């Protein structure tokens, strides 16, 4: 999804994350983390003092992630078994 009617998606998601009022030290759980792009945006707000855990059922998403999940604040998990 690249667009929402009348709004470009990247602008929409950046605004939505800003409206979450994320603070340094917050811990965030992201369901359906996908490639982790939104987690990367959230990480800028927690300033390395919190933790973001992303969950996704598609193991292939970790392979296409632009986010370096080795950063101490970002953790990515996928569904291993049913």
C-alpha atoms as a PDB file:
ATOM      1  CA  UNK A   1       0.000   0.000   0.000  1.00  0.00           C
ATOM      2  CA  UNK A   2       1.658   3.202  -1.150  1.00  0.00           C
ATOM      3  CA  UNK A   3      -1.288   5.545  -0.926  1.00  0.00           C
ATOM      4  CA  UNK A   4      -4.355   6.179   1.132  1.00  0.00           C
ATOM      5  CA  UNK A   5      -7.005   8.228  -0.716  1.00  0.00           C
ATOM      6  CA  UNK A   6      -5.735  11.794  -0.680  1.00  0.00           C
ATOM      7  CA  UNK A   7      -2.660  11.036   1.473  1.00  0.00           C
ATOM      8  CA  UNK A   8       0.683   9.475   0.691  1.00  0.00           C
ATOM      9  CA  UNK A   9       1.268   6.475   2.968  1.00  0.00           C
ATOM     10  CA  UNK A  10       4.761   7.457   4.206  1.00  0.00           C
ATOM     11  CA  UNK A  11       3.430  10.832   5.344  1.00  0.00           C
ATOM     12  CA  UNK A  12       0.392   9.181   6.935  1.00  0.00           C
ATOM     13  CA  UNK A  13       2.439   6.663   8.943  1.00  0.00           C
ATOM     14  CA  UNK A  14       5.003   9.257  10.079  1.00  0.00           C
ATOM     15  CA  UNK A  15       2.165  11.448  11.358  1.00  0.00           C
ATOM     16  CA  UNK A  16       0.448   8.478  13.038  1.00  0.00           C
ATOM     17  CA  UNK A  17       3.656   7.495  14.843  1.00  0.00           C
ATOM     18  CA  UNK A  18       4.260  11.084  15.936  1.00  0.00           C
ATOM     19  CA  UNK A  19       0.704  11.193  17.342  1.00  0.00           C
ATOM     20  CA  UNK A  20       1.471   8.107  19.467  1.00  0.00           C
ATOM     21  CA  UNK A  21       3.581  10.398  21.691  1.00  0.00           C
ATOM     22  CA  UNK A  22       6.328   7.798  22.105  1.00  0.00           C
ATOM     23  CA  UNK A  23       8.769   8.769  24.844  1.00  0.00           C
ATOM     24  CA  UNK A  24      12.355   7.696  25.545  1.00  0.00           C
ATOM     25  CA  UNK A  25      12.233   4.504  27.595  1.00  0.00           C
ATOM     26  CA  UNK A  26       8.888   3.284  26.210  1.00  0.00           C
ATOM     27  CA  UNK A  27       8.492  -0.399  25.367  1.00  0.00           C
ATOM     28  CA  UNK A  28       6.482  -1.124  22.224  1.00  0.00           C
ATOM     29  CA  UNK A  29       5.034  -4.344  20.812  1.00  0.00           C
ATOM     30  CA  UNK A  30       4.272  -4.256  17.078  1.00  0.00           C
ATOM     31  CA  UNK A  31       1.931  -6.929  15.700  1.00  0.00           C
ATOM     32  CA  UNK A  32       2.284  -7.527  11.966  1.00  0.00           C
ATOM     33  CA  UNK A  33       5.663  -5.804  11.910  1.00  0.00           C
ATOM     34  CA  UNK A  34       6.294  -6.684   8.275  1.00  0.00           C
ATOM     35  CA  UNK A  35       9.694  -5.477   7.125  1.00  0.00           C
ATOM     36  CA  UNK A  36      10.097  -3.286  10.213  1.00  0.00           C
ATOM     37  CA  UNK A  37       9.875   0.122   8.558  1.00  0.00           C
ATOM     38  CA  UNK A  38       7.465   1.466  11.168  1.00  0.00           C
ATOM     39  CA  UNK A  39       9.641   0.075  13.956  1.00  0.00           C
ATOM     40  CA  UNK A  40      12.562   2.035  12.552  1.00  0.00           C
ATOM     41  CA  UNK A  41      10.505   5.246  12.712  1.00  0.00           C
ATOM     42  CA  UNK A  42       9.437   4.486  16.297  1.00  0.00           C
ATOM     43  CA  UNK A  43      13.035   3.808  17.326  1.00  0.00           C
ATOM     44  CA  UNK A  44      13.925   7.440  16.715  1.00  0.00           C
ATOM     45  CA  UNK A  45      11.501   8.447  19.481  1.00  0.00           C
ATOM     46  CA  UNK A  46      12.646   6.006  22.166  1.00  0.00           C
ATOM     47  CA  UNK A  47      16.230   7.218  21.725  1.00  0.00           C
ATOM     48  CA  UNK A  48      17.793   3.831  22.459  1.00  0.00           C
ATOM     49  CA  UNK A  49      16.357   3.850  25.998  1.00  0.00           C
ATOM     50  CA  UNK A  50      13.341   1.607  25.376  1.00  0.00           C
ATOM     51  CA  UNK A  51      12.607  -1.553  23.469  1.00  0.00           C
ATOM     52  CA  UNK A  52      10.600  -2.352  20.354  1.00  0.00           C
ATOM     53  CA  UNK A  53       9.541  -5.931  19.662  1.00  0.00           C
ATOM     54  CA  UNK A  54       8.076  -6.737  16.259  1.00  0.00           C
ATOM     55  CA  UNK A  55       6.036  -9.871  15.569  1.00  0.00           C
ATOM     56  CA  UNK A  56       5.209 -11.237  12.137  1.00  0.00           C
ATOM     57  CA  UNK A  57       4.118 -14.612  10.769  1.00  0.00           C
ATOM     58  CA  UNK A  58       6.116 -14.246   7.538  1.00  0.00           C
ATOM     59  CA  UNK A  59       9.755 -15.278   7.996  1.00  0.00           C
ATOM     60  CA  UNK A  60      10.602 -13.757   4.619  1.00  0.00           C
ATOM     61  CA  UNK A  61       9.902 -10.273   5.985  1.00  0.00           C
ATOM     62  CA  UNK A  62      13.042 -10.305   8.112  1.00  0.00           C
ATOM     63  CA  UNK A  63      15.065 -10.925   4.961  1.00  0.00           C
ATOM     64  CA  UNK A  64      13.740  -7.818   3.202  1.00  0.00           C
ATOM     65  CA  UNK A  65      13.922  -5.569   6.215  1.00  0.00           C
ATOM     66  CA  UNK A  66      15.716  -2.253   5.716  1.00  0.00           C
ATOM     67  CA  UNK A  67      16.112  -2.074   9.489  1.00  0.00           C
ATOM     68  CA  UNK A  68      19.295  -3.363  11.133  1.00  0.00           C
ATOM     69  CA  UNK A  69      17.731  -5.493  13.849  1.00  0.00           C
ATOM     70  CA  UNK A  70      21.032  -5.895  15.624  1.00  0.00           C
ATOM     71  CA  UNK A  71      20.408  -2.538  17.320  1.00  0.00           C
ATOM     72  CA  UNK A  72      19.823  -3.102  21.005  1.00  0.00           C
ATOM     73  CA  UNK A  73      16.373  -1.476  21.022  1.00  0.00           C
ATOM     74  CA  UNK A  74      14.899  -3.451  18.093  1.00  0.00           C
ATOM     75  CA  UNK A  75      13.885  -7.105  18.297  1.00  0.00           C
ATOM     76  CA  UNK A  76      12.160  -9.002  15.518  1.00  0.00           C
ATOM     77  CA  UNK A  77      10.358 -12.303  16.025  1.00  0.00           C
ATOM     78  CA  UNK A  78       8.507 -14.497  13.604  1.00  0.00           C
ATOM     79  CA  UNK A  79       6.035 -17.289  14.092  1.00  0.00           C
ATOM     80  CA  UNK A  80       7.998 -20.528  14.388  1.00  0.00           C
ATOM     81  CA  UNK A  81       5.242 -23.122  14.867  1.00  0.00           C
ATOM     82  CA  UNK A  82       1.456 -23.252  15.039  1.00  0.00           C
END
